[in-house]
Amino acid sequence: MPLPGLGWCEVAVHPNTCRYRVRKAASLTGRDLDDSEHRLAAMLQLRLSRGPSAPRPFPVADTAGPGSS
């Protein structure tokens, strides 16, 4: 199963280890990670389980707009 967009440099394990863990999690949860809806649900559950104070994997855009200091 290819894992597009998975930043190997951000994961402190070997790529094969990461693939194994993803496959293991998929088998334990019954999710088909080849199905885009299942992938989305899994990503949302993971992000929500980390809580609001968890570091974000990507920068959050400034929504205040220009000139609103």
Protein backbone atom coordinates (compact mmCIF):
# COMPACT_ATOMS: atom_id res chain seq x y z
CA MET A 1 0.00 0.00 0.00
CA PRO A 2 1.62 3.30 -1.00
CA LEU A 3 1.53 6.05 1.58
CA PRO A 4 1.57 9.29 -0.40
CA GLY A 5 2.48 12.44 1.45
CA LEU A 6 3.95 10.65 4.44
CA GLY A 7 7.02 12.68 5.37
CA TRP A 8 9.63 10.05 6.17
CA CYS A 9 11.98 12.71 7.46
CA GLU A 10 9.38 13.65 10.09
CA VAL A 11 8.99 10.06 11.31
CA ALA A 12 11.79 8.75 13.51
CA VAL A 13 11.49 5.17 12.23
CA HIS A 14 12.56 3.30 9.11
CA PRO A 15 10.04 3.55 6.22
CA ASN A 16 9.42 -0.23 6.34
CA THR A 17 8.63 0.03 10.06
CA CYS A 18 6.19 2.83 9.38
CA ARG A 19 4.50 0.84 6.59
CA TYR A 20 4.21 -2.17 8.89
CA ARG A 21 2.66 -0.07 11.66
CA VAL A 22 0.17 1.54 9.28
CA ARG A 23 -0.86 -1.89 7.96
CA LYS A 24 -1.14 -3.22 11.52
CA ALA A 25 -3.31 -0.28 12.62
CA ALA A 26 -5.51 -0.76 9.56
CA SER A 27 -6.00 -4.44 10.33
CA LEU A 28 -6.73 -3.78 14.01
CA THR A 29 -9.30 -1.08 13.25
CA GLY A 30 -10.84 -2.72 10.20
CA ARG A 31 -10.21 0.37 8.10
CA ASP A 32 -9.45 0.01 4.39
CA LEU A 33 -6.84 2.73 3.92
CA ASP A 34 -7.05 2.32 0.14
CA ASP A 35 -10.55 3.84 0.45
CA SER A 36 -10.33 7.65 0.58
CA GLU A 37 -13.28 7.97 2.98
CA HIS A 38 -11.70 5.52 5.42
CA ARG A 39 -8.36 7.39 5.18
CA LEU A 40 -10.10 10.71 5.88
CA ALA A 41 -11.96 9.27 8.87
CA ALA A 42 -8.74 7.76 10.26
CA MET A 43 -6.82 11.04 9.84
CA LEU A 44 -9.58 13.03 11.53
CA GLN A 45 -9.81 10.58 14.44
CA LEU A 46 -6.06 10.69 14.91
CA ARG A 47 -5.89 14.48 14.86
CA LEU A 48 -8.87 14.86 17.19
CA SER A 49 -7.44 12.30 19.63
CA ARG A 50 -4.26 14.36 20.00
CA GLY A 51 -6.15 17.33 21.44
CA PRO A 52 -5.93 21.04 20.69
CA SER A 53 -2.49 21.56 22.24
CA ALA A 54 -0.78 18.96 20.00
CA PRO A 55 1.73 20.27 17.47
CA ARG A 56 0.24 20.76 14.03
CA PRO A 57 1.77 18.90 11.09
CA PHE A 58 1.43 22.00 8.91
CA PRO A 59 1.38 25.76 9.57
CA VAL A 60 -1.99 27.37 10.16
CA ALA A 61 -2.75 30.30 7.87
CA ASP A 62 -3.38 33.71 9.40
CA THR A 63 -7.13 34.21 8.95
CA ALA A 64 -7.23 37.67 10.49
CA GLY A 65 -6.36 39.32 7.20
CA PRO A 66 -4.00 42.16 6.39
CA GLY A 67 -3.83 45.16 8.66
CA SER A 68 -5.54 43.56 11.66
CA SER A 69 -2.88 43.78 14.36
